[in-house]
Every structure is written in structure tokens, then in C-alpha cells.
């Protein structure tokens, strides 16, 4: 699961007499055994907001997580006119392993201009107040 480490196991012998009292013998055996560095029981018993990060090059390390609590709301979708989209700053592609300089996909703005609305055609969506009960497919 997370790599193995060597641990020392100690074995002691105890003898029970007729009165059911145990006496520990002075003889003991120490051996090395392998166990997981982070096993499934450790992961199941983690405290709240603690996790482990597993990587291929280093041992797992503990990390603190803090989820952001939000309320579920309806998704609002807006469209952008082609003029505004053309004026926007270009997005740099960080990992480009291709040898050609042209983009892999055609520009949607030039190939399908009918997909975008004019500003006169855009109507604001009817807003729902937060007090009204509405159901989302994400609600379980």
C-alpha cells in the first residue's frame, strides 16, 4: 500500500502455574518483520481534516485538509458575444508536446458563429430567491 519498513518483534515466554499466576521467563526472542509504512487501519482511524499524500518518489506524508463549505444553488449560465471573446487575452497552453505550431482543434468562434448570441438576443434568466425550495439533480 505505502511501502514497507522493518520493525522489531519481541517474543517473551510466560509460564502459568497451578494457581494461574504467570511468570515471565528471562528468555526472549527479537526478530525483524516487515509491515506497511501506512496501513489501512491507520487511514481508517485518521482524525478529521487529516489525509495522506502518496507519491511515487517519496514516502507518504500527512497533510491537513480544509473543505470549503458552500450551499448548493442553481447553475447560472451566461453567453459571451464573439466581439468580447475576441478581445479577451489569449490563454497559454502550458504543456504542448506537439511539434506543429497550429492548434489541435479549430477555433469555434470562426467555424460556428451561429452558436453565439447577439447581445440583443440575450435575456436575463429568471432568478429564484434563496427562500424558495428548488431541487437540483445534485441533491441526494
Protein backbone atom coordinates (compact mmCIF):
# COMPACT_ATOMS: atom_id res chain seq x y z
CA UNK A 1 0.00 0.00 0.00
CA UNK A 2 2.64 2.54 1.00
CA UNK A 3 5.97 0.81 1.03
CA UNK A 4 7.31 -1.40 3.76
CA UNK A 5 9.55 -0.82 6.74
CA UNK A 6 11.33 -3.20 9.08
CA UNK A 7 10.09 -3.41 12.66
CA UNK A 8 11.41 -5.36 15.65
CA UNK A 9 9.11 -8.01 17.08
CA UNK A 10 9.88 -9.19 20.60
CA UNK A 11 8.69 -12.58 21.79
CA UNK A 12 8.71 -13.45 25.51
CA UNK A 13 7.64 -16.70 27.06
CA UNK A 14 5.24 -16.76 30.01
CA UNK A 15 4.53 -19.86 32.09
CA UNK A 16 1.35 -20.42 34.10
CA UNK A 17 1.46 -22.48 37.29
CA UNK A 18 -1.32 -24.33 39.16
CA UNK A 19 -2.54 -21.11 40.83
CA UNK A 20 -2.91 -19.49 37.37
CA UNK A 21 -0.17 -16.98 38.02
CA UNK A 22 2.05 -16.13 35.13
CA UNK A 23 5.79 -15.87 35.39
CA UNK A 24 7.73 -14.27 32.58
CA UNK A 25 10.72 -16.29 31.55
CA UNK A 26 14.01 -14.43 31.13
CA UNK A 27 14.36 -15.81 27.62
CA UNK A 28 13.21 -13.51 24.84
CA UNK A 29 13.45 -13.57 21.07
CA UNK A 30 13.77 -10.48 18.88
CA UNK A 31 13.20 -10.75 15.17
CA UNK A 32 12.66 -8.28 12.35
CA UNK A 33 9.46 -8.25 10.38
CA UNK A 34 8.14 -6.15 7.52
CA UNK A 35 5.00 -4.08 7.76
CA UNK A 36 3.38 -1.33 5.70
CA UNK A 37 4.58 2.19 6.47
CA UNK A 38 0.96 3.42 6.35
CA UNK A 39 -1.56 0.58 6.58
CA UNK A 40 -5.32 0.58 6.07
CA UNK A 41 -6.08 0.75 9.82
CA UNK A 42 -4.08 3.96 10.12
CA UNK A 43 -6.01 5.50 7.23
CA UNK A 44 -9.37 4.43 8.67
CA UNK A 45 -8.56 5.96 12.06
CA UNK A 46 -7.30 9.34 10.90
CA UNK A 47 -8.68 12.37 12.76
CA UNK A 48 -10.89 14.87 10.96
CA UNK A 49 -9.25 17.01 8.27
CA UNK A 50 -6.10 14.86 8.08
CA UNK A 51 -5.06 12.94 4.98
CA UNK A 52 -2.00 11.27 3.48
CA UNK A 53 -0.35 12.22 0.22
CA UNK A 54 1.10 9.25 -1.68
CA UNK A 55 3.75 9.87 -4.32
CA UNK A 56 5.96 7.59 -6.38
CA UNK A 57 9.25 9.13 -5.31
CA UNK A 58 8.90 9.74 -1.55
CA UNK A 59 7.28 8.16 1.47
CA UNK A 60 3.66 9.11 2.22
CA UNK A 61 3.31 12.32 4.19
CA UNK A 62 0.48 13.56 6.37
CA UNK A 63 -1.36 16.71 5.33
CA UNK A 64 -4.17 18.84 6.67
CA UNK A 65 -7.21 19.41 4.50
CA UNK A 66 -9.91 22.01 4.89
CA UNK A 67 -13.00 21.62 2.73
CA UNK A 68 -14.86 24.74 1.69
CA UNK A 69 -18.49 24.56 2.76
CA UNK A 70 -20.94 26.01 0.25
CA UNK A 71 -24.65 25.90 -0.31
CA UNK A 72 -26.00 24.20 -3.41
CA UNK A 73 -27.54 26.62 -5.89
CA UNK A 74 -28.80 26.52 -9.42
CA UNK A 75 -26.10 26.93 -12.04
CA UNK A 76 -26.21 30.26 -13.88
CA UNK A 77 -25.07 30.11 -17.50
CA UNK A 78 -24.04 33.23 -19.39
CA UNK A 79 -23.01 33.64 -23.00
CA UNK A 80 -20.35 35.96 -24.34
CA UNK A 81 -20.58 37.78 -27.65
CA UNK A 82 -17.89 37.00 -30.24
CA UNK A 83 -16.54 40.58 -30.05
CA UNK A 84 -15.90 40.31 -26.32
CA UNK A 85 -14.44 36.82 -26.67
CA UNK A 86 -12.08 38.00 -29.42
CA UNK A 87 -10.91 40.90 -27.24
CA UNK A 88 -10.08 38.58 -24.33
CA UNK A 89 -6.46 37.73 -23.62
CA UNK A 90 -5.29 34.50 -25.24
CA UNK A 91 -4.79 31.50 -22.97
CA UNK A 92 -1.33 29.98 -22.93
CA UNK A 93 -1.15 26.22 -23.22
CA UNK A 94 1.31 25.15 -20.55
CA UNK A 95 2.08 21.61 -21.75
CA UNK A 96 2.27 21.43 -25.51
CA UNK A 97 4.06 18.28 -26.64
CA UNK A 98 3.10 18.67 -30.29
CA UNK A 99 5.67 19.63 -32.91
CA UNK A 100 3.32 21.74 -35.01
CA UNK A 101 2.50 25.34 -34.11
CA UNK A 102 -1.15 25.30 -35.13
CA UNK A 103 -3.80 24.41 -32.54
CA UNK A 104 -5.11 20.85 -32.47
CA UNK A 105 -8.76 21.99 -32.53
CA UNK A 106 -10.27 24.60 -34.86
CA UNK A 107 -11.42 27.91 -33.42
CA UNK A 108 -15.13 27.62 -32.64
CA UNK A 109 -15.62 31.37 -32.96
CA UNK A 110 -14.72 31.33 -36.65
CA UNK A 111 -16.09 27.93 -37.67
CA UNK A 112 -19.51 28.12 -35.96
CA UNK A 113 -20.51 31.75 -35.36
CA UNK A 114 -24.20 30.76 -35.13
CA UNK A 115 -23.56 29.17 -31.74
CA UNK A 116 -23.19 32.56 -30.06
CA UNK A 117 -25.94 35.04 -29.28
CA UNK A 118 -26.03 38.73 -30.03
CA UNK A 119 -26.44 40.99 -27.02
CA UNK A 120 -29.97 41.85 -28.19
CA UNK A 121 -30.94 38.16 -28.07
CA UNK A 122 -29.67 37.54 -24.55
CA UNK A 123 -32.41 37.68 -21.94
CA UNK A 124 -31.60 37.58 -18.24
CA UNK A 125 -32.65 34.33 -16.64
CA UNK A 126 -35.46 34.35 -14.10
CA UNK A 127 -33.74 34.40 -10.74
CA UNK A 128 -35.00 32.27 -7.90
CA UNK A 129 -34.81 33.61 -4.41
CA UNK A 130 -32.91 31.60 -1.83
CA UNK A 131 -36.09 31.22 0.24
CA UNK A 132 -37.88 29.21 -2.44
CA UNK A 133 -37.39 25.49 -2.36
CA UNK A 134 -35.90 24.16 -5.56
CA UNK A 135 -34.47 20.77 -6.30
CA UNK A 136 -31.25 20.09 -8.10
CA UNK A 137 -30.13 16.81 -9.64
CA UNK A 138 -27.16 17.06 -7.26
CA UNK A 139 -29.38 16.87 -4.16
CA UNK A 140 -29.43 13.40 -2.65
